[in-house]
Amino acid sequence: NTDLNGDGDPYDLVLHLHRPTTPPIVNLGLAAADPIRVADTLVFSVSEPSQGGLDFNGDGDGKDVVLFSHDILTGETHDLAVASTAPLVDSHWIAFPVFEWSQGHVDLNGDGDAQDWVLHVHDVTTHVTTNLATEGTPYTFERRRIGYLVYEYLVGADLNADGDISVGEQIPKVIHVIDGSVRNLCVAGVVDAGDDDRVVVRIDEQTDGGVDRNGDGDVDDDVLLVFESEFGTSIDLGLDGADVQSAGEWLAFSCSESANGGVDRNGDGDVLDRILHLAKVAPGVCGSTLRYGAGCAGLHPEVPELHMRGCVRPGYPIAVSLLRGAPFGQAFVAFGTQRAELPMGGGCDLLVSPPMPLLLGPIPLSGFGSTRTEAILPLGTPPGLVRMQGFVLDGSAAPPTVTNGLEFDVQ
């Protein structure tokens, strides 16, 4: 019945440190949970109510769970002063979301409310915490890149170009903590695996625009998409899958026969089984896409984004998505074999040349500035590298905005 953290009661779990020095056991004097080691630092969460109701994050109450760090070498303990738990670790960095309401009802991402989970990173060597000002829940942190999920309704934007803002749609994104660059995977789904720079997403066909992505005649499946953040590539596997394991250039996953067109994949005379599959997902395989160029907003507030999915073969459709364009504007997508700089006005350049005999458009955009369509490369298109880029007109005399570019191998 000893009070180990000085809050007047003997009922708390108090963090101790064992080390091969004198004294061998050190009481840190804090009611803590979930300790993790980050380099030579312990990071853990402290319950304010279990610590006598002390206010550790400066929000005026003693009701939160707040992150702390303890330097094992110097013995110094630091209050990070943010309400959060269970951070993700990458080298000497930790990443975690902070709920605005628990941080004193402060708007941390500048959207005008205090209802969001906002991403932060902390460097345990410098004791500096950085607000990334981005709403989302992190699920992986590798090589300074955080993979996180964003609910559309919380940011008020159509993030997967399906023409709506749905309460149930979670969109995976990746942010680089050094330069702040953000990649939107432009699909609604859940993360099945995340390892190093690879993220595997199970796309929910129903919530992601009602598109049949595995060609089985329905929109009831969860179809696998692979995203490689280091190279900026995405690879559409075109199969309903689960139980994903990643190793090097390969993915292993199981597929339901009934959910993939009712095909007997193991030759046993029925379509009731789950079949193990292996897929090579290195950049450059059929279905991979490389992003290049940052796009150009011109006189508009946002840069539009271009996304493409599918295995590119002449005569077969690929899915093309555009978002963050001018609401109710008109989009065009140009194809070419070379990178170039063709002036479009307003300081924007089109980075595709020479043009191929394929120009999509005009394509009407929704009120959210988004659209989806299909493109089919002409039969006889030779194998090799092809590039595509979009531009958007808003109906006025203003010059167009220009999307990022995409390049891919024609198989």
Protein backbone atom coordinates (compact mmCIF):
# COMPACT_ATOMS: atom_id res chain seq x y z
CA ASN A 1 0.00 0.00 0.00
CA THR A 2 2.73 2.41 -1.00
CA ASP A 3 2.03 5.59 -2.94
CA LEU A 4 4.73 5.41 -5.62
CA ASN A 5 3.72 8.46 -7.69
CA GLY A 6 2.78 10.93 -4.98
CA ASP A 7 -0.89 11.32 -5.83
CA GLY A 8 -2.13 10.32 -2.37
CA ASP A 9 -3.30 6.78 -3.14
CA PRO A 10 -1.68 3.32 -3.63
CA TYR A 11 -3.82 2.23 -6.60
CA ASP A 12 -1.79 3.17 -9.70
CA LEU A 13 0.58 1.30 -12.00
CA VAL A 14 3.80 3.30 -11.71
CA LEU A 15 6.61 3.05 -14.26
CA HIS A 16 10.02 1.83 -13.05
CA LEU A 17 13.27 1.49 -14.96
CA HIS A 18 15.77 -1.32 -14.38
CA ARG A 19 19.34 -0.59 -15.41
CA PRO A 20 22.79 -2.12 -14.73
CA THR A 21 23.92 0.80 -12.57
CA THR A 22 23.38 2.02 -9.02
CA PRO A 23 20.60 2.15 -8.06
CA PRO A 24 19.49 -0.74 -10.30
CA ILE A 25 15.78 0.14 -10.13
CA VAL A 26 14.58 3.72 -10.64
CA ASN A 27 11.04 4.85 -9.91
CA LEU A 28 10.01 7.41 -12.53
CA GLY A 29 7.14 8.49 -10.28
CA LEU A 30 4.51 8.48 -13.01
CA ALA A 31 1.36 6.40 -13.52
CA ALA A 32 2.24 5.25 -17.02
CA ALA A 33 1.14 2.82 -19.71
CA ASP A 34 2.38 1.45 -23.06
CA PRO A 35 6.13 2.18 -22.69
CA ILE A 36 8.18 1.76 -25.87
CA ARG A 37 11.89 2.27 -26.48
CA VAL A 38 12.93 4.76 -29.16
CA ALA A 39 16.74 4.85 -29.51
CA ASP A 40 17.95 5.71 -25.96
CA THR A 41 14.58 7.07 -24.91
CA LEU A 42 11.46 5.59 -23.34
CA VAL A 43 8.15 6.97 -24.59
CA PHE A 44 4.98 6.30 -22.60
CA SER A 45 1.58 7.77 -21.80
CA VAL A 46 0.58 9.19 -18.42
CA SER A 47 -3.00 9.38 -17.15
CA GLU A 48 -3.75 12.76 -15.62
CA PRO A 49 -6.55 11.36 -13.37
CA SER A 50 -4.13 8.69 -12.05
CA GLN A 51 -1.56 11.39 -11.38
CA GLY A 52 -3.74 13.36 -8.99
CA GLY A 53 -5.59 15.25 -11.69
CA LEU A 54 -2.56 17.27 -12.77
CA ASP A 55 -2.87 19.12 -16.09
CA PHE A 56 0.10 17.95 -18.20
CA ASN A 57 -1.01 19.31 -21.60
CA GLY A 58 -2.11 22.76 -20.50
CA ASP A 59 -5.75 22.49 -21.55
CA GLY A 60 -7.18 23.46 -18.16
CA ASP A 61 -8.32 20.04 -16.98
CA GLY A 62 -6.87 16.85 -15.49
CA LYS A 63 -8.76 14.31 -17.60
CA ASP A 64 -6.39 13.42 -20.44
CA VAL A 65 -3.74 10.84 -21.28
CA VAL A 66 -0.52 12.67 -22.19
CA LEU A 67 2.72 11.51 -23.82
CA PHE A 68 6.04 11.66 -21.93
CA SER A 69 9.61 10.68 -22.77
CA HIS A 70 12.49 9.63 -20.52
CA ASP A 71 16.12 9.85 -21.61
CA ILE A 72 17.75 6.63 -20.37
CA LEU A 73 21.29 8.09 -20.53
CA THR A 74 20.69 11.42 -18.77
CA GLY A 75 17.76 10.41 -16.57
CA GLU A 76 15.71 13.41 -17.73
CA THR A 77 11.95 13.08 -18.14
CA HIS A 78 10.11 15.33 -20.61
CA ASP A 79 6.39 16.15 -20.84
CA LEU A 80 5.44 16.29 -24.53
CA ALA A 81 2.28 18.23 -23.51
CA VAL A 82 0.03 16.49 -26.07
CA ALA A 83 -2.95 14.26 -25.42
CA SER A 84 -2.20 11.01 -27.27
CA THR A 85 -1.21 7.35 -26.80
CA ALA A 86 0.54 4.45 -28.55
CA PRO A 87 2.78 6.30 -31.05
CA LEU A 88 4.40 4.65 -34.07
CA VAL A 89 8.21 4.57 -34.23
CA ASP A 90 10.69 5.23 -37.05
CA SER A 91 14.35 5.59 -35.98
CA HIS A 92 14.42 8.49 -33.48
CA TRP A 93 10.99 9.77 -34.52
CA ILE A 94 7.53 8.96 -33.18
CA ALA A 95 4.22 9.71 -34.91
CA PHE A 96 0.85 10.03 -33.23
CA PRO A 97 -2.56 11.68 -33.64
CA VAL A 98 -3.77 14.39 -31.25
CA PHE A 99 -7.51 14.81 -30.68
CA GLU A 100 -8.26 18.53 -30.83
CA TRP A 101 -11.04 18.37 -28.24
CA SER A 102 -8.67 16.77 -25.70
CA GLN A 103 -6.05 19.41 -26.39
CA GLY A 104 -8.16 22.29 -25.09
CA HIS A 105 -10.61 22.49 -28.01
CA VAL A 106 -7.85 23.90 -30.24
CA ASP A 107 -8.10 23.83 -34.05
CA LEU A 108 -4.80 22.12 -34.92
CA ASN A 109 -5.32 21.70 -38.68
CA GLY A 110 -6.91 25.03 -39.54
CA ASP A 111 -10.28 23.72 -40.71
CA GLY A 112 -12.35 25.84 -38.34
CA ASP A 113 -13.39 23.15 -35.85
CA ALA A 114 -11.92 21.16 -32.96
CA GLN A 115 -13.24 17.69 -33.80
CA ASP A 116 -10.29 16.11 -35.62
CA TRP A 117 -7.41 13.75 -34.95
CA VAL A 118 -4.37 15.67 -36.22
CA LEU A 119 -1.01 14.06 -37.03
CA HIS A 120 2.11 15.07 -35.08
CA VAL A 121 5.71 13.86 -35.05
CA HIS A 122 8.29 14.17 -32.26
CA ASP A 123 12.07 13.88 -32.47
CA VAL A 124 13.28 12.28 -29.23
CA THR A 125 16.84 13.56 -29.78
CA THR A 126 15.87 17.24 -29.98
CA HIS A 127 12.62 17.02 -27.97
CA VAL A 128 10.86 18.95 -30.75
CA THR A 129 7.22 18.15 -31.59
CA THR A 130 5.92 19.15 -35.04
CA ASN A 131 2.25 19.52 -35.93
CA LEU A 132 1.78 18.20 -39.48
CA ALA A 133 -1.62 19.97 -39.58
CA THR A 134 -3.17 16.96 -41.33
CA GLU A 135 -6.27 15.10 -40.14
CA GLY A 136 -5.89 11.33 -39.97
CA THR A 137 -5.17 8.15 -38.04
CA PRO A 138 -1.70 6.66 -38.65
CA TYR A 139 -1.20 2.96 -39.31
CA THR A 140 2.45 2.75 -40.44
CA PHE A 141 5.62 4.85 -40.07
CA GLU A 142 8.68 3.84 -42.12
CA ARG A 143 11.57 5.83 -43.62
CA ARG A 144 10.06 9.17 -42.53
CA ARG A 145 6.76 8.38 -44.27
CA ILE A 146 3.51 8.05 -42.32
CA GLY A 147 0.64 6.08 -43.79
CA TYR A 148 -2.68 7.27 -42.42
CA LEU A 149 -6.44 7.07 -42.99
CA VAL A 150 -8.75 10.04 -43.53
CA TYR A 151 -12.55 10.08 -43.30
CA GLU A 152 -13.97 12.17 -46.14
CA TYR A 153 -16.72 13.70 -44.02
CA LEU A 154 -14.19 15.06 -41.51
CA VAL A 155 -12.33 17.05 -44.18
CA GLY A 156 -15.37 17.83 -46.35
CA ALA A 157 -13.75 16.69 -49.60
CA ASP A 158 -14.25 13.96 -52.19
CA LEU A 159 -10.87 12.26 -51.82
CA ASN A 160 -11.46 9.26 -54.10
CA ALA A 161 -13.18 11.00 -57.05
CA ASP A 162 -16.42 9.00 -56.79
CA GLY A 163 -18.62 12.08 -56.74
CA ASP A 164 -19.69 12.06 -53.10
CA ILE A 165 -18.54 12.78 -49.56
CA SER A 166 -19.46 9.67 -47.60
CA VAL A 167 -19.44 9.13 -43.84
CA GLY A 168 -18.19 5.57 -44.32
CA GLU A 169 -15.34 6.23 -46.75
CA GLN A 170 -11.79 6.07 -45.37
CA ILE A 171 -9.08 7.16 -47.80
CA PRO A 172 -5.43 6.10 -47.25
CA LYS A 173 -2.78 8.81 -47.63
CA VAL A 174 1.00 8.99 -47.14
CA ILE A 175 2.86 12.05 -45.81
CA HIS A 176 6.63 12.61 -45.71
CA VAL A 177 7.56 14.17 -42.36
CA ILE A 178 10.62 16.03 -43.72
CA ASP A 179 9.24 17.84 -46.79
CA GLY A 180 5.53 17.62 -45.90
CA SER A 181 4.56 16.13 -49.27
CA VAL A 182 1.28 14.18 -49.23
CA ARG A 183 0.15 11.38 -51.55
CA ASN A 184 -3.52 10.51 -51.79
CA LEU A 185 -4.12 6.88 -52.82
CA CYS A 186 -7.51 8.01 -54.21
CA VAL A 187 -9.39 4.88 -53.13
CA ALA A 188 -11.82 4.01 -50.34
CA GLY A 189 -10.65 1.00 -48.38
CA VAL A 190 -8.80 -0.40 -45.41
CA VAL A 191 -5.09 -1.11 -45.07
CA ASP A 192 -4.36 -4.84 -45.12
CA ALA A 193 -0.58 -4.59 -44.78
CA GLY A 194 2.01 -1.89 -44.38
CA ASP A 195 5.72 -2.59 -44.38
CA ASP A 196 8.69 -0.38 -45.24
CA ASP A 197 7.50 1.76 -48.17
CA ARG A 198 4.69 -0.58 -49.24
CA VAL A 199 1.02 -0.23 -48.40
CA VAL A 200 -1.59 -2.79 -49.45
CA VAL A 201 -5.16 -1.52 -49.46
CA ARG A 202 -8.34 -3.57 -49.76
CA ILE A 203 -10.64 -1.34 -51.86
CA ASP A 204 -14.33 -1.65 -50.98
CA GLU A 205 -16.03 -1.68 -54.40
CA GLN A 206 -19.37 -0.46 -53.05
CA THR A 207 -18.10 2.58 -51.16
CA ASP A 208 -15.44 3.39 -53.76
CA GLY A 209 -17.88 4.49 -56.45
CA GLY A 210 -19.58 1.16 -57.15
CA VAL A 211 -16.93 0.05 -59.65
CA ASP A 212 -16.38 -3.66 -60.43
CA ARG A 213 -12.59 -3.79 -60.04
CA ASN A 214 -12.10 -7.55 -60.35
CA GLY A 215 -14.41 -8.11 -63.31
CA ASP A 216 -16.75 -10.63 -61.66
CA GLY A 217 -19.97 -8.79 -62.45
CA ASP A 218 -20.71 -7.36 -58.99
CA VAL A 219 -19.50 -4.61 -56.63
CA ASP A 220 -19.43 -6.65 -53.43
CA ASP A 221 -15.70 -7.31 -53.19
CA ASP A 222 -12.56 -5.95 -51.51
CA VAL A 223 -9.96 -5.67 -54.27
CA LEU A 224 -6.22 -5.33 -53.58
CA LEU A 225 -4.17 -2.26 -54.54
CA VAL A 226 -0.43 -1.99 -53.79
CA PHE A 227 1.20 1.41 -53.26
CA GLU A 228 4.99 1.87 -53.15
CA SER A 229 5.63 5.29 -51.58
CA GLU A 230 9.39 5.38 -52.28
CA PHE A 231 8.84 5.14 -56.04
CA GLY A 232 5.38 6.74 -56.15
CA THR A 233 3.97 3.68 -57.92
CA SER A 234 0.65 1.94 -57.51
CA ILE A 235 -0.16 -1.58 -58.71
CA ASP A 236 -3.75 -2.78 -59.13
CA LEU A 237 -3.89 -6.55 -58.57
CA GLY A 238 -7.52 -6.84 -59.76
CA LEU A 239 -8.38 -9.58 -57.25
CA ASP A 240 -10.49 -9.78 -54.10
CA GLY A 241 -7.93 -10.85 -51.53
CA ALA A 242 -7.07 -11.02 -47.83
CA ASP A 243 -4.42 -12.34 -45.41
CA VAL A 244 -1.69 -10.33 -47.14
CA GLN A 245 1.98 -10.94 -46.34
CA SER A 246 4.76 -8.84 -47.89
CA ALA A 247 8.39 -9.81 -48.49
CA GLY A 248 10.72 -8.02 -50.90
CA GLU A 249 9.24 -7.83 -54.39
CA TRP A 250 6.54 -10.39 -53.56
CA LEU A 251 3.11 -10.46 -51.97
CA ALA A 252 1.36 -13.56 -50.71
CA PHE A 253 -2.41 -13.44 -50.21
CA SER A 254 -5.49 -15.63 -50.33
CA CYS A 255 -8.35 -15.26 -52.82
CA SER A 256 -11.91 -16.48 -52.49
CA GLU A 257 -13.01 -18.42 -55.56
CA SER A 258 -16.62 -17.29 -55.16
CA ALA A 259 -15.68 -13.60 -54.76
CA ASN A 260 -13.56 -13.62 -57.92
CA GLY A 261 -16.03 -14.65 -60.56
CA GLY A 262 -16.80 -18.16 -59.33
CA VAL A 263 -13.67 -19.63 -60.94
CA ASP A 264 -12.33 -22.99 -59.73
CA ARG A 265 -8.71 -21.96 -59.12
CA ASN A 266 -7.42 -25.23 -57.65
CA GLY A 267 -9.19 -27.69 -59.93
CA ASP A 268 -11.16 -29.53 -57.24
CA GLY A 269 -14.54 -29.16 -58.94
CA ASP A 270 -16.03 -26.43 -56.73
CA VAL A 271 -15.72 -22.70 -56.11
CA LEU A 272 -15.81 -22.79 -52.30
CA ASP A 273 -12.12 -22.43 -51.48
CA ARG A 274 -9.61 -19.73 -50.60
CA ILE A 275 -6.54 -20.12 -52.80
CA LEU A 276 -3.01 -18.94 -51.99
CA HIS A 277 -1.58 -16.51 -54.58
CA LEU A 278 1.84 -14.95 -55.11
CA ALA A 279 2.28 -11.66 -56.97
CA LYS A 280 5.43 -9.82 -57.98
CA VAL A 281 4.88 -6.15 -57.17
CA ALA A 282 8.18 -4.50 -58.08
CA PRO A 283 7.91 -1.18 -59.95
CA GLY A 284 7.65 -1.78 -63.68
CA VAL A 285 5.43 -4.87 -63.56
CA CYS A 286 2.11 -4.74 -65.41
CA GLY A 287 -0.24 -2.42 -63.58
CA SER A 288 2.40 -0.18 -61.97
CA THR A 289 2.26 3.59 -62.39
CA LEU A 290 4.94 6.21 -61.64
CA ARG A 291 3.93 9.75 -60.70
CA TYR A 292 6.03 12.71 -61.90
CA GLY A 293 5.64 16.48 -61.82
CA ALA A 294 3.84 18.44 -59.10
CA GLY A 295 1.08 19.89 -61.29
CA CYS A 296 0.18 23.57 -61.38
CA ALA A 297 -2.70 25.52 -59.81
CA GLY A 298 -2.24 28.63 -61.94
CA LEU A 299 -4.80 31.17 -60.76
CA HIS A 300 -6.80 28.57 -58.81
CA PRO A 301 -6.50 27.65 -55.11
CA GLU A 302 -5.70 23.94 -55.61
CA VAL A 303 -3.63 21.72 -57.87
CA PRO A 304 -5.78 18.98 -59.46
CA GLU A 305 -4.68 15.36 -59.06
CA LEU A 306 -4.61 12.62 -61.71
CA HIS A 307 -4.72 8.90 -60.83
CA MET A 308 -4.73 5.79 -62.98
CA ARG A 309 -5.21 2.11 -62.20
CA GLY A 310 -5.09 -1.03 -64.28
CA CYS A 311 -2.73 -3.09 -66.40
CA VAL A 312 -2.07 -1.09 -69.57
CA ARG A 313 -2.55 -3.12 -72.73
CA PRO A 314 -3.67 -1.74 -76.11
CA GLY A 315 -7.41 -2.24 -76.58
CA TYR A 316 -8.13 -2.75 -72.87
CA PRO A 317 -9.65 -0.11 -70.54
CA ILE A 318 -7.78 1.56 -67.70
CA ALA A 319 -9.47 3.54 -64.94
CA VAL A 320 -8.64 7.27 -64.83
CA SER A 321 -9.60 9.51 -61.89
CA LEU A 322 -9.23 13.26 -61.49
CA LEU A 323 -9.95 15.21 -58.31
CA ARG A 324 -9.50 18.72 -56.85
CA GLY A 325 -10.35 20.32 -60.17
CA ALA A 326 -12.67 23.30 -60.63
CA PRO A 327 -16.24 22.40 -59.52
CA PHE A 328 -18.41 21.68 -62.59
CA GLY A 329 -15.38 22.34 -64.80
CA GLN A 330 -14.21 20.36 -67.81
CA ALA A 331 -11.19 18.05 -67.80
CA PHE A 332 -8.93 16.79 -70.56
CA VAL A 333 -6.27 14.05 -70.39
CA ALA A 334 -3.44 14.02 -72.92
CA PHE A 335 -1.19 11.03 -73.68
CA GLY A 336 2.37 11.08 -75.06
CA THR A 337 5.67 9.23 -75.14
CA GLN A 338 8.06 11.99 -73.98
CA ARG A 339 8.31 14.50 -71.16
CA ALA A 340 8.19 18.12 -72.33
CA GLU A 341 7.27 21.63 -71.25
CA LEU A 342 4.35 22.94 -73.31
CA PRO A 343 3.13 26.34 -72.00
CA MET A 344 -0.56 26.35 -71.05
CA GLY A 345 -0.73 29.91 -69.69
CA GLY A 346 -0.83 31.16 -66.12
CA GLY A 347 2.66 29.82 -65.51
CA CYS A 348 1.57 26.19 -66.05
CA ASP A 349 3.18 23.69 -68.44
CA LEU A 350 1.93 20.41 -69.88
CA LEU A 351 4.69 17.81 -69.44
CA VAL A 352 3.61 15.42 -72.20
CA SER A 353 4.88 15.43 -75.79
CA PRO A 354 4.49 14.52 -78.57
CA PRO A 355 0.75 13.85 -78.39
CA MET A 356 -0.54 10.43 -79.24
CA PRO A 357 -3.79 9.91 -81.17
CA LEU A 358 -5.61 9.87 -77.83
CA LEU A 359 -6.98 12.88 -75.96
CA LEU A 360 -9.76 12.33 -73.46
CA GLY A 361 -12.23 15.16 -73.06
CA PRO A 362 -14.02 17.27 -72.46
CA ILE A 363 -14.96 15.34 -69.32
CA PRO A 364 -17.50 17.10 -67.04
CA LEU A 365 -16.46 17.38 -63.39
CA SER A 366 -18.79 17.01 -60.42
CA GLY A 367 -19.56 19.77 -57.95
CA PHE A 368 -16.61 18.46 -55.95
CA GLY A 369 -14.28 18.94 -58.93
CA SER A 370 -13.84 15.19 -59.42
CA THR A 371 -14.57 12.59 -62.08
CA ARG A 372 -13.84 9.02 -63.15
CA THR A 373 -13.63 7.71 -66.65
CA GLU A 374 -11.93 5.03 -68.77
CA ALA A 375 -9.19 5.26 -71.36
CA ILE A 376 -8.29 2.68 -74.00
CA LEU A 377 -4.93 2.84 -75.74
CA PRO A 378 -5.37 2.26 -79.49
CA LEU A 379 -4.62 -1.20 -80.85
CA GLY A 380 -1.17 -1.21 -82.35
CA THR A 381 0.36 1.03 -79.66
CA PRO A 382 3.93 -0.29 -79.41
CA PRO A 383 5.35 -1.54 -76.10
CA GLY A 384 7.26 1.02 -74.09
CA LEU A 385 6.85 3.99 -71.83
CA VAL A 386 3.72 6.15 -72.15
CA ARG A 387 2.93 9.31 -70.20
CA MET A 388 -0.35 11.03 -69.41
CA GLN A 389 -1.34 14.34 -67.84
CA GLY A 390 -4.58 16.22 -67.34
CA PHE A 391 -5.67 19.85 -67.44
CA VAL A 392 -8.89 21.50 -66.28
CA LEU A 393 -10.90 24.46 -67.60
CA ASP A 394 -13.26 26.26 -65.23
CA GLY A 395 -15.52 27.79 -67.91
CA SER A 396 -14.00 31.28 -67.67
CA ALA A 397 -11.25 32.91 -69.69
CA ALA A 398 -8.67 31.85 -67.09
CA PRO A 399 -5.87 29.52 -68.24
CA PRO A 400 -6.20 25.85 -67.27
CA THR A 401 -4.89 24.18 -64.16
CA VAL A 402 -2.61 21.20 -64.77
CA THR A 403 -2.43 17.87 -62.91
CA ASN A 404 0.59 15.79 -62.00
CA GLY A 405 1.87 13.48 -64.70
CA LEU A 406 1.78 9.67 -64.75
CA GLU A 407 3.96 7.26 -66.69
CA PHE A 408 3.61 3.52 -67.23
CA ASP A 409 4.85 0.67 -69.39
CA VAL A 410 2.61 -0.58 -72.20
CA GLN A 411 2.70 -4.37 -72.08
